[in-house]
Amino acid sequence: MFLMKRINISSILIVILTFLAPFIFISNTIAYPGEGDCAGYHGITYIDIPVDNDALIILDGDPSENFWTENGNQKGKVEIKLAEIKVGEEIPEIYTLNATFIMNSEYLYILCQWIDNTPLYDYPPEKDGIAFCWNINAPNFSAYYVADMNTIHMGGGRVDAWRWVYSNFVSSGEEHLCGDDCFDENGWVDGNPEANSINVAYTNTGNLYNLEMKRKLITNEYYDVQFDEAKIYKFNIAILNDSYGVDHAISWTYALDLREPSNIIPFFQLNFIIILLLIAIILTKINFKKVFNNIDKN
């Protein structure tokens, strides 16, 4: 009987570890740009974006509006880790960016907050920038770019690139447009510069950047990602440490989840349900064995 209990307990632990392993090991494994597609190390983080049709926002780079701090909008907040490119055996720096994604019936809003980690010995000190790469129709979108900004290794298709860099010609708190480009299997493609529709405003207090972004969900522009379907929209982010993006850190793959919440069972919840069912089955078998053992004794 003692042996049977040990086997049953071991079986339960094995089942639990089997289903939690992807969660435990993928989410905590470190990968750096240049080591290949990081989805195998980290998986893909899905963001269930909140819809707030009542809140108003003033695009000024000041994140003090209730819009960003309201409890119902916090599920759109995510801490994003970014790694510098690995060269040789050196251990690259890891940076953190806090991003909040919120949408209403017309616009997608994003708040990005990060610390400027420019080395103090740099002179003149470089100011930061940020870049988003949004998948439009690449079959195998990845945060891994083999040699240049193209989608050959993703099976072709287009990626929408939003790029903002600090400028001495734009004042803190002033609303302005940020770069809006696109690349495909041939590299950068000429879009329609006049169709740029990403409004931004920033503040830079000390070494903390606050960048508010606003873009229409639907632009009907061929080179833009269109947020008009109930699906996931994969993207990755880079923090640029200079205007040219030579020195930068890259995140792994994330995705805005615009599917209907009622039709979604997140991966970790599905695992948890399966684990509970398996434990229930095992415990049921144990109870049946106890009943039969008692019957045999009687």
C-alpha atoms as a PDB file:
ATOM      1  CA  MET A   1       0.000   0.000   0.000  1.00  0.00           C
ATOM      2  CA  PHE A   2       2.866   2.381   0.885  1.00  0.00           C
ATOM      3  CA  LEU A   3       4.486   1.681  -2.496  1.00  0.00           C
ATOM      4  CA  MET A   4       1.203   2.355  -4.287  1.00  0.00           C
ATOM      5  CA  LYS A   5       0.852   5.734  -2.542  1.00  0.00           C
ATOM      6  CA  ARG A   6       4.392   6.698  -3.526  1.00  0.00           C
ATOM      7  CA  ILE A   7       3.720   5.767  -7.143  1.00  0.00           C
ATOM      8  CA  ASN A   8       0.463   7.734  -7.218  1.00  0.00           C
ATOM      9  CA  ILE A   9       2.068  10.830  -5.677  1.00  0.00           C
ATOM     10  CA  SER A  10       4.958  10.573  -8.131  1.00  0.00           C
ATOM     11  CA  SER A  11       2.504  10.264 -11.015  1.00  0.00           C
ATOM     12  CA  ILE A  12       0.727  13.421  -9.915  1.00  0.00           C
ATOM     13  CA  LEU A  13       3.999  15.374  -9.691  1.00  0.00           C
ATOM     14  CA  ILE A  14       5.119  14.139 -13.098  1.00  0.00           C
ATOM     15  CA  VAL A  15       1.828  15.205 -14.678  1.00  0.00           C
ATOM     16  CA  ILE A  16       2.021  18.652 -13.066  1.00  0.00           C
ATOM     17  CA  LEU A  17       5.626  19.226 -14.169  1.00  0.00           C
ATOM     18  CA  THR A  18       4.876  17.981 -17.683  1.00  0.00           C
ATOM     19  CA  PHE A  19       2.221  20.616 -18.256  1.00  0.00           C
ATOM     20  CA  LEU A  20       3.979  23.423 -16.391  1.00  0.00           C
ATOM     21  CA  ALA A  21       7.384  22.837 -18.003  1.00  0.00           C
ATOM     22  CA  PRO A  22       6.706  24.993 -21.107  1.00  0.00           C
ATOM     23  CA  PHE A  23       5.654  27.770 -18.782  1.00  0.00           C
ATOM     24  CA  ILE A  24       8.489  27.445 -16.302  1.00  0.00           C
ATOM     25  CA  PHE A  25      11.375  26.946 -18.662  1.00  0.00           C
ATOM     26  CA  ILE A  26      10.332  28.994 -21.712  1.00  0.00           C
ATOM     27  CA  SER A  27       9.300  32.131 -19.814  1.00  0.00           C
ATOM     28  CA  ASN A  28      12.471  32.250 -17.701  1.00  0.00           C
ATOM     29  CA  THR A  29      15.058  31.359 -20.336  1.00  0.00           C
ATOM     30  CA  ILE A  30      17.283  34.159 -21.579  1.00  0.00           C
ATOM     31  CA  ALA A  31      17.941  34.581 -25.293  1.00  0.00           C
ATOM     32  CA  TYR A  32      19.741  37.388 -27.041  1.00  0.00           C
ATOM     33  CA  PRO A  33      19.430  38.893 -30.518  1.00  0.00           C
ATOM     34  CA  GLY A  34      21.716  37.012 -32.851  1.00  0.00           C
ATOM     35  CA  GLU A  35      20.952  33.595 -31.343  1.00  0.00           C
ATOM     36  CA  GLY A  36      18.007  32.863 -33.618  1.00  0.00           C
ATOM     37  CA  ASP A  37      14.249  33.019 -33.287  1.00  0.00           C
ATOM     38  CA  CYS A  38      13.600  33.709 -29.604  1.00  0.00           C
ATOM     39  CA  ALA A  39      10.049  32.293 -29.676  1.00  0.00           C
ATOM     40  CA  GLY A  40      11.637  28.950 -28.808  1.00  0.00           C
ATOM     41  CA  TYR A  41      13.182  30.472 -25.679  1.00  0.00           C
ATOM     42  CA  HIS A  42      10.359  32.674 -24.448  1.00  0.00           C
ATOM     43  CA  GLY A  43       7.237  31.732 -26.346  1.00  0.00           C
ATOM     44  CA  ILE A  44       4.969  34.617 -27.371  1.00  0.00           C
ATOM     45  CA  THR A  45       3.423  36.940 -24.791  1.00  0.00           C
ATOM     46  CA  TYR A  46      -0.220  37.756 -25.585  1.00  0.00           C
ATOM     47  CA  ILE A  47      -1.734  41.040 -24.400  1.00  0.00           C
ATOM     48  CA  ASP A  48      -5.480  41.162 -23.855  1.00  0.00           C
ATOM     49  CA  ILE A  49      -5.978  44.813 -24.767  1.00  0.00           C
ATOM     50  CA  PRO A  50      -8.720  46.708 -22.866  1.00  0.00           C
ATOM     51  CA  VAL A  51     -11.357  48.732 -24.692  1.00  0.00           C
ATOM     52  CA  ASP A  52     -12.109  52.111 -23.106  1.00  0.00           C
ATOM     53  CA  ASN A  53     -14.615  54.148 -25.083  1.00  0.00           C
ATOM     54  CA  ASP A  54     -15.235  56.716 -22.327  1.00  0.00           C
ATOM     55  CA  ALA A  55     -11.797  57.976 -21.368  1.00  0.00           C
ATOM     56  CA  LEU A  56     -10.261  61.022 -23.002  1.00  0.00           C
ATOM     57  CA  ILE A  57      -6.549  61.551 -23.533  1.00  0.00           C
ATOM     58  CA  ILE A  58      -4.475  64.640 -24.163  1.00  0.00           C
ATOM     59  CA  LEU A  59      -1.444  63.653 -26.224  1.00  0.00           C
ATOM     60  CA  ASP A  60       1.270  65.522 -24.324  1.00  0.00           C
ATOM     61  CA  GLY A  61       3.624  62.829 -23.017  1.00  0.00           C
ATOM     62  CA  ASP A  62       2.251  63.249 -19.504  1.00  0.00           C
ATOM     63  CA  PRO A  63       0.931  59.864 -18.280  1.00  0.00           C
ATOM     64  CA  SER A  64      -1.009  61.302 -15.334  1.00  0.00           C
ATOM     65  CA  GLU A  65      -4.462  60.939 -16.959  1.00  0.00           C
ATOM     66  CA  ASN A  66      -6.849  58.440 -15.393  1.00  0.00           C
ATOM     67  CA  PHE A  67      -6.909  56.845 -18.833  1.00  0.00           C
ATOM     68  CA  TRP A  68      -3.591  55.110 -18.120  1.00  0.00           C
ATOM     69  CA  THR A  69      -4.137  54.342 -14.435  1.00  0.00           C
ATOM     70  CA  GLU A  70      -7.785  53.238 -14.377  1.00  0.00           C
ATOM     71  CA  ASN A  71      -8.142  49.734 -12.934  1.00  0.00           C
ATOM     72  CA  GLY A  72     -10.057  48.390 -15.923  1.00  0.00           C
ATOM     73  CA  ASN A  73      -7.219  49.354 -18.271  1.00  0.00           C
ATOM     74  CA  GLN A  74      -4.387  47.676 -16.375  1.00  0.00           C
ATOM     75  CA  LYS A  75      -4.691  44.358 -18.209  1.00  0.00           C
ATOM     76  CA  GLY A  76      -3.165  46.185 -21.162  1.00  0.00           C
ATOM     77  CA  LYS A  77       0.006  46.927 -19.198  1.00  0.00           C
ATOM     78  CA  VAL A  78       3.038  44.724 -19.759  1.00  0.00           C
ATOM     79  CA  GLU A  79       6.675  44.776 -18.687  1.00  0.00           C
ATOM     80  CA  ILE A  80       8.854  44.139 -21.730  1.00  0.00           C
ATOM     81  CA  LYS A  81      12.438  42.909 -21.521  1.00  0.00           C
ATOM     82  CA  LEU A  82      14.872  43.906 -24.255  1.00  0.00           C
ATOM     83  CA  ALA A  83      18.366  42.572 -24.845  1.00  0.00           C
ATOM     84  CA  GLU A  84      21.330  44.043 -26.632  1.00  0.00           C
ATOM     85  CA  ILE A  85      22.840  42.055 -29.487  1.00  0.00           C
ATOM     86  CA  LYS A  86      25.196  39.339 -28.282  1.00  0.00           C
ATOM     87  CA  VAL A  87      28.735  39.619 -29.607  1.00  0.00           C
ATOM     88  CA  GLY A  88      31.120  36.770 -28.808  1.00  0.00           C
ATOM     89  CA  GLU A  89      30.929  35.577 -25.213  1.00  0.00           C
ATOM     90  CA  GLU A  90      29.989  38.891 -23.646  1.00  0.00           C
ATOM     91  CA  ILE A  91      26.776  39.032 -21.643  1.00  0.00           C
ATOM     92  CA  PRO A  92      24.542  41.712 -23.194  1.00  0.00           C
ATOM     93  CA  GLU A  93      22.658  44.249 -21.125  1.00  0.00           C
ATOM     94  CA  ILE A  94      18.963  43.620 -20.435  1.00  0.00           C
ATOM     95  CA  TYR A  95      16.650  46.639 -20.376  1.00  0.00           C
ATOM     96  CA  THR A  96      13.055  47.042 -19.240  1.00  0.00           C
ATOM     97  CA  LEU A  97      10.285  48.977 -20.946  1.00  0.00           C
ATOM     98  CA  ASN A  98       6.801  49.360 -19.462  1.00  0.00           C
ATOM     99  CA  ALA A  99       4.110  49.565 -22.128  1.00  0.00           C
ATOM    100  CA  THR A 100       0.358  50.059 -21.782  1.00  0.00           C
ATOM    101  CA  PHE A 101      -1.962  49.294 -24.705  1.00  0.00           C
ATOM    102  CA  ILE A 102      -5.546  50.620 -24.764  1.00  0.00           C
ATOM    103  CA  MET A 103      -8.011  51.043 -27.609  1.00  0.00           C
ATOM    104  CA  ASN A 104     -11.411  52.561 -28.260  1.00  0.00           C
ATOM    105  CA  SER A 105     -13.664  52.258 -31.288  1.00  0.00           C
ATOM    106  CA  GLU A 106     -11.366  54.426 -33.414  1.00  0.00           C
ATOM    107  CA  TYR A 107      -7.824  54.538 -32.027  1.00  0.00           C
ATOM    108  CA  LEU A 108      -5.033  52.440 -30.553  1.00  0.00           C
ATOM    109  CA  TYR A 109      -3.182  54.205 -27.718  1.00  0.00           C
ATOM    110  CA  ILE A 110       0.214  53.164 -26.385  1.00  0.00           C
ATOM    111  CA  LEU A 111       2.192  54.513 -23.437  1.00  0.00           C
ATOM    112  CA  CYS A 112       5.886  53.566 -23.378  1.00  0.00           C
ATOM    113  CA  GLN A 113       8.061  54.274 -20.326  1.00  0.00           C
ATOM    114  CA  TRP A 114      11.738  53.412 -20.020  1.00  0.00           C
ATOM    115  CA  ILE A 115      14.993  54.546 -18.437  1.00  0.00           C
ATOM    116  CA  ASP A 116      17.699  56.080 -20.627  1.00  0.00           C
ATOM    117  CA  ASN A 117      20.741  53.878 -20.101  1.00  0.00           C
ATOM    118  CA  THR A 118      23.172  55.895 -22.225  1.00  0.00           C
ATOM    119  CA  PRO A 119      26.686  55.506 -20.780  1.00  0.00           C
ATOM    120  CA  LEU A 120      27.694  58.619 -18.869  1.00  0.00           C
ATOM    121  CA  TYR A 121      31.042  58.808 -20.671  1.00  0.00           C
ATOM    122  CA  ASP A 122      29.351  59.277 -24.083  1.00  0.00           C
ATOM    123  CA  TYR A 123      29.796  62.843 -25.279  1.00  0.00           C
ATOM    124  CA  PRO A 124      27.744  64.351 -26.605  1.00  0.00           C
ATOM    125  CA  PRO A 125      25.232  62.129 -24.824  1.00  0.00           C
ATOM    126  CA  GLU A 126      22.964  60.297 -27.269  1.00  0.00           C
ATOM    127  CA  LYS A 127      19.219  60.533 -26.797  1.00  0.00           C
ATOM    128  CA  ASP A 128      16.963  57.477 -27.045  1.00  0.00           C
ATOM    129  CA  GLY A 129      14.390  56.381 -29.571  1.00  0.00           C
ATOM    130  CA  ILE A 130      11.980  53.488 -29.967  1.00  0.00           C
ATOM    131  CA  ALA A 131      10.842  51.266 -32.831  1.00  0.00           C
ATOM    132  CA  PHE A 132       7.853  48.948 -33.262  1.00  0.00           C
ATOM    133  CA  CYS A 133       7.710  46.218 -35.888  1.00  0.00           C
ATOM    134  CA  TRP A 134       4.115  45.078 -36.534  1.00  0.00           C
ATOM    135  CA  ASN A 135       3.389  42.040 -38.640  1.00  0.00           C
ATOM    136  CA  ILE A 136       1.098  42.767 -41.580  1.00  0.00           C
ATOM    137  CA  ASN A 137       1.115  39.477 -43.469  1.00  0.00           C
ATOM    138  CA  ALA A 138       4.453  37.690 -42.949  1.00  0.00           C
ATOM    139  CA  PRO A 139       3.588  33.972 -42.552  1.00  0.00           C
ATOM    140  CA  ASN A 140       6.276  33.348 -39.913  1.00  0.00           C
ATOM    141  CA  PHE A 141       6.779  36.702 -38.211  1.00  0.00           C
ATOM    142  CA  SER A 142       9.665  36.754 -35.764  1.00  0.00           C
ATOM    143  CA  ALA A 143      11.665  39.222 -33.691  1.00  0.00           C
ATOM    144  CA  TYR A 144      14.760  37.635 -35.257  1.00  0.00           C
ATOM    145  CA  TYR A 145      16.216  39.569 -38.192  1.00  0.00           C
ATOM    146  CA  VAL A 146      18.955  37.529 -39.845  1.00  0.00           C
ATOM    147  CA  ALA A 147      21.087  40.150 -41.573  1.00  0.00           C
ATOM    148  CA  ASP A 148      18.968  43.148 -42.474  1.00  0.00           C
ATOM    149  CA  MET A 149      15.448  44.485 -42.174  1.00  0.00           C
ATOM    150  CA  ASN A 150      13.660  42.135 -44.556  1.00  0.00           C
ATOM    151  CA  THR A 151      11.193  39.264 -44.314  1.00  0.00           C
ATOM    152  CA  ILE A 152      12.925  36.609 -46.435  1.00  0.00           C
ATOM    153  CA  HIS A 153      13.350  34.306 -43.422  1.00  0.00           C
ATOM    154  CA  MET A 154       9.720  34.940 -42.412  1.00  0.00           C
ATOM    155  CA  GLY A 155       8.391  33.579 -45.706  1.00  0.00           C
ATOM    156  CA  GLY A 156       7.998  37.030 -47.240  1.00  0.00           C
ATOM    157  CA  GLY A 157       5.206  39.479 -46.536  1.00  0.00           C
ATOM    158  CA  ARG A 158       5.189  43.002 -45.114  1.00  0.00           C
ATOM    159  CA  VAL A 159       6.043  44.428 -41.681  1.00  0.00           C
ATOM    160  CA  ASP A 160       4.973  47.899 -40.554  1.00  0.00           C
ATOM    161  CA  ALA A 161       7.762  49.797 -38.755  1.00  0.00           C
ATOM    162  CA  TRP A 162       7.075  52.731 -36.437  1.00  0.00           C
ATOM    163  CA  ARG A 163      10.182  54.686 -35.442  1.00  0.00           C
ATOM    164  CA  TRP A 164      10.439  57.596 -33.049  1.00  0.00           C
ATOM    165  CA  VAL A 165      13.714  59.272 -32.089  1.00  0.00           C
ATOM    166  CA  TYR A 166      14.406  62.210 -29.829  1.00  0.00           C
ATOM    167  CA  SER A 167      14.750  65.476 -31.718  1.00  0.00           C
ATOM    168  CA  ASN A 168      16.006  68.847 -30.575  1.00  0.00           C
ATOM    169  CA  PHE A 169      13.462  70.402 -32.937  1.00  0.00           C
ATOM    170  CA  VAL A 170      10.459  68.981 -31.068  1.00  0.00           C
ATOM    171  CA  SER A 171       9.666  70.291 -27.605  1.00  0.00           C
ATOM    172  CA  SER A 172       8.726  68.115 -24.678  1.00  0.00           C
ATOM    173  CA  GLY A 173       4.933  67.720 -24.555  1.00  0.00           C
ATOM    174  CA  GLU A 174       4.471  68.812 -28.176  1.00  0.00           C
ATOM    175  CA  GLU A 175       2.315  66.558 -30.364  1.00  0.00           C
ATOM    176  CA  HIS A 176       4.021  65.487 -33.590  1.00  0.00           C
ATOM    177  CA  LEU A 177       4.305  62.609 -36.076  1.00  0.00           C
ATOM    178  CA  CYS A 178       6.764  59.755 -35.779  1.00  0.00           C
ATOM    179  CA  GLY A 179       8.294  57.733 -38.609  1.00  0.00           C
ATOM    180  CA  ASP A 180       6.083  55.156 -40.325  1.00  0.00           C
ATOM    181  CA  ASP A 181       7.876  52.811 -42.722  1.00  0.00           C
ATOM    182  CA  CYS A 182       7.470  49.310 -44.081  1.00  0.00           C
ATOM    183  CA  PHE A 183       9.764  46.476 -45.165  1.00  0.00           C
ATOM    184  CA  ASP A 184       9.186  43.244 -47.051  1.00  0.00           C
ATOM    185  CA  GLU A 185      11.330  40.448 -48.521  1.00  0.00           C
ATOM    186  CA  ASN A 186      13.229  43.041 -50.575  1.00  0.00           C
ATOM    187  CA  GLY A 187      13.988  45.348 -47.652  1.00  0.00           C
ATOM    188  CA  TRP A 188      12.594  48.828 -47.056  1.00  0.00           C
ATOM    189  CA  VAL A 189       9.827  49.813 -49.443  1.00  0.00           C
ATOM    190  CA  ASP A 190       8.632  53.269 -50.378  1.00  0.00           C
ATOM    191  CA  GLY A 191       5.305  53.886 -48.785  1.00  0.00           C
ATOM    192  CA  ASN A 192       3.294  57.044 -48.882  1.00  0.00           C
ATOM    193  CA  PRO A 193       4.980  59.516 -46.473  1.00  0.00           C
ATOM    194  CA  GLU A 194       1.887  61.714 -46.485  1.00  0.00           C
ATOM    195  CA  ALA A 195      -0.168  58.793 -45.152  1.00  0.00           C
ATOM    196  CA  ASN A 196       1.761  58.826 -41.859  1.00  0.00           C
ATOM    197  CA  SER A 197      -0.862  58.693 -39.140  1.00  0.00           C
ATOM    198  CA  ILE A 198       1.014  57.970 -35.902  1.00  0.00           C
ATOM    199  CA  ASN A 199       0.788  60.907 -33.501  1.00  0.00           C
ATOM    200  CA  VAL A 200       3.147  61.013 -30.514  1.00  0.00           C
ATOM    201  CA  ALA A 201       4.251  63.249 -27.657  1.00  0.00           C
ATOM    202  CA  TYR A 202       7.009  62.723 -25.123  1.00  0.00           C
ATOM    203  CA  THR A 203       8.437  63.966 -21.870  1.00  0.00           C
ATOM    204  CA  ASN A 204      11.963  63.287 -20.683  1.00  0.00           C
ATOM    205  CA  THR A 205      12.369  63.919 -16.967  1.00  0.00           C
ATOM    206  CA  GLY A 206      15.837  63.145 -15.722  1.00  0.00           C
ATOM    207  CA  ASN A 207      16.536  59.860 -17.453  1.00  0.00           C
ATOM    208  CA  LEU A 208      12.923  58.656 -17.687  1.00  0.00           C
ATOM    209  CA  TYR A 209      11.124  58.721 -21.046  1.00  0.00           C
ATOM    210  CA  ASN A 210       7.326  58.854 -21.303  1.00  0.00           C
ATOM    211  CA  LEU A 211       6.091  58.451 -24.868  1.00  0.00           C
ATOM    212  CA  GLU A 212       2.384  58.508 -25.728  1.00  0.00           C
ATOM    213  CA  MET A 213       1.362  57.150 -29.136  1.00  0.00           C
ATOM    214  CA  LYS A 214      -1.951  57.303 -30.984  1.00  0.00           C
ATOM    215  CA  ARG A 215      -2.915  55.689 -34.274  1.00  0.00           C
ATOM    216  CA  LYS A 216      -6.203  55.016 -36.022  1.00  0.00           C
ATOM    217  CA  LEU A 217      -7.176  51.365 -35.975  1.00  0.00           C
ATOM    218  CA  ILE A 218      -7.870  51.508 -39.702  1.00  0.00           C
ATOM    219  CA  THR A 219      -5.876  53.669 -42.139  1.00  0.00           C
ATOM    220  CA  ASN A 220      -6.611  51.802 -45.406  1.00  0.00           C
ATOM    221  CA  GLU A 221      -2.942  52.305 -46.302  1.00  0.00           C
ATOM    222  CA  TYR A 222      -1.257  49.327 -48.031  1.00  0.00           C
ATOM    223  CA  TYR A 223       1.930  49.704 -45.994  1.00  0.00           C
ATOM    224  CA  ASP A 224       0.156  49.982 -42.609  1.00  0.00           C
ATOM    225  CA  VAL A 225      -0.998  47.255 -40.269  1.00  0.00           C
ATOM    226  CA  GLN A 226      -4.800  47.400 -39.962  1.00  0.00           C
ATOM    227  CA  PHE A 227      -6.322  46.638 -36.554  1.00  0.00           C
ATOM    228  CA  ASP A 228      -9.668  45.655 -38.013  1.00  0.00           C
ATOM    229  CA  GLU A 229      -9.833  41.899 -37.384  1.00  0.00           C
ATOM    230  CA  ALA A 230     -10.542  39.720 -34.356  1.00  0.00           C
ATOM    231  CA  LYS A 231      -7.101  38.104 -34.378  1.00  0.00           C
ATOM    232  CA  ILE A 232      -3.655  38.400 -32.797  1.00  0.00           C
ATOM    233  CA  TYR A 233      -1.242  41.084 -34.010  1.00  0.00           C
ATOM    234  CA  LYS A 234       2.377  40.092 -33.463  1.00  0.00           C
ATOM    235  CA  PHE A 235       5.040  42.728 -32.862  1.00  0.00           C
ATOM    236  CA  ASN A 236       8.381  43.383 -31.248  1.00  0.00           C
ATOM    237  CA  ILE A 237      10.012  46.536 -29.883  1.00  0.00           C
ATOM    238  CA  ALA A 238      13.514  48.010 -29.953  1.00  0.00           C
ATOM    239  CA  ILE A 239      14.959  50.752 -27.764  1.00  0.00           C
ATOM    240  CA  LEU A 240      17.357  52.868 -29.808  1.00  0.00           C
ATOM    241  CA  ASN A 241      20.278  54.397 -27.967  1.00  0.00           C
ATOM    242  CA  ASP A 242      21.016  56.840 -30.780  1.00  0.00           C
ATOM    243  CA  SER A 243      19.279  58.430 -33.733  1.00  0.00           C
ATOM    244  CA  TYR A 244      20.593  55.802 -36.146  1.00  0.00           C
ATOM    245  CA  GLY A 245      19.633  52.732 -34.139  1.00  0.00           C
ATOM    246  CA  VAL A 246      23.148  51.295 -34.359  1.00  0.00           C
ATOM    247  CA  ASP A 247      23.199  50.730 -30.605  1.00  0.00           C
ATOM    248  CA  HIS A 248      19.892  49.159 -29.629  1.00  0.00           C
ATOM    249  CA  ALA A 249      18.152  46.476 -27.595  1.00  0.00           C
ATOM    250  CA  ILE A 250      15.416  44.207 -28.964  1.00  0.00           C
ATOM    251  CA  SER A 251      12.466  42.497 -27.313  1.00  0.00           C
ATOM    252  CA  TRP A 252      11.163  39.051 -28.150  1.00  0.00           C
ATOM    253  CA  THR A 253       7.789  38.579 -29.853  1.00  0.00           C
ATOM    254  CA  TYR A 254       4.590  39.947 -28.306  1.00  0.00           C
ATOM    255  CA  ALA A 255       1.039  40.021 -29.649  1.00  0.00           C
ATOM    256  CA  LEU A 256      -2.049  42.159 -29.129  1.00  0.00           C
ATOM    257  CA  ASP A 257      -4.998  39.804 -28.790  1.00  0.00           C
ATOM    258  CA  LEU A 258      -8.105  41.298 -30.417  1.00  0.00           C
ATOM    259  CA  ARG A 259     -10.064  38.046 -30.444  1.00  0.00           C
ATOM    260  CA  GLU A 260     -13.342  37.836 -28.564  1.00  0.00           C
ATOM    261  CA  PRO A 261     -12.500  37.078 -24.911  1.00  0.00           C
ATOM    262  CA  SER A 262     -15.326  34.534 -24.651  1.00  0.00           C
ATOM    263  CA  ASN A 263     -13.658  32.397 -27.328  1.00  0.00           C
ATOM    264  CA  ILE A 264     -10.214  32.403 -25.750  1.00  0.00           C
ATOM    265  CA  ILE A 265      -8.738  30.068 -23.181  1.00  0.00           C
ATOM    266  CA  PRO A 266      -5.199  31.327 -22.465  1.00  0.00           C
ATOM    267  CA  PHE A 267      -2.445  28.726 -22.629  1.00  0.00           C
ATOM    268  CA  PHE A 268      -1.739  28.748 -18.888  1.00  0.00           C
ATOM    269  CA  GLN A 269      -5.449  28.460 -18.029  1.00  0.00           C
ATOM    270  CA  LEU A 270      -5.847  25.544 -20.422  1.00  0.00           C
ATOM    271  CA  ASN A 271      -2.866  23.807 -18.819  1.00  0.00           C
ATOM    272  CA  PHE A 272      -4.301  24.430 -15.371  1.00  0.00           C
ATOM    273  CA  ILE A 273      -7.670  22.934 -16.368  1.00  0.00           C
ATOM    274  CA  ILE A 274      -5.993  19.850 -17.840  1.00  0.00           C
ATOM    275  CA  ILE A 275      -3.873  19.412 -14.702  1.00  0.00           C
ATOM    276  CA  LEU A 276      -6.939  19.590 -12.458  1.00  0.00           C
ATOM    277  CA  LEU A 277      -8.764  17.041 -14.594  1.00  0.00           C
ATOM    278  CA  LEU A 278      -5.821  14.636 -14.529  1.00  0.00           C
ATOM    279  CA  ILE A 279      -5.426  15.001 -10.772  1.00  0.00           C
ATOM    280  CA  ALA A 280      -9.152  14.361 -10.352  1.00  0.00           C
ATOM    281  CA  ILE A 281      -8.878  11.213 -12.486  1.00  0.00           C
ATOM    282  CA  ILE A 282      -5.870   9.950 -10.514  1.00  0.00           C
ATOM    283  CA  LEU A 283      -7.513  10.651  -7.166  1.00  0.00           C
ATOM    284  CA  THR A 284     -10.699   8.959  -8.360  1.00  0.00           C
ATOM    285  CA  LYS A 285      -8.703   5.849  -9.266  1.00  0.00           C
ATOM    286  CA  ILE A 286      -7.044   5.895  -5.847  1.00  0.00           C
ATOM    287  CA  ASN A 287     -10.449   6.095  -4.122  1.00  0.00           C
ATOM    288  CA  PHE A 288     -11.778   3.223  -6.233  1.00  0.00           C
ATOM    289  CA  LYS A 289      -8.769   1.117  -5.247  1.00  0.00           C
ATOM    290  CA  LYS A 290      -9.388   1.890  -1.593  1.00  0.00           C
ATOM    291  CA  VAL A 291     -13.049   0.856  -1.931  1.00  0.00           C
ATOM    292  CA  PHE A 292     -12.128  -2.417  -3.615  1.00  0.00           C
ATOM    293  CA  ASN A 293      -9.421  -3.093  -1.029  1.00  0.00           C
ATOM    294  CA  ASN A 294     -11.958  -2.591   1.750  1.00  0.00           C
ATOM    295  CA  ILE A 295     -14.402  -4.914  -0.008  1.00  0.00           C
ATOM    296  CA  ASP A 296     -11.703  -7.592  -0.325  1.00  0.00           C
ATOM    297  CA  LYS A 297     -10.856  -7.278   3.357  1.00  0.00           C
ATOM    298  CA  ASN A 298     -14.495  -7.671   4.315  1.00  0.00           C
END
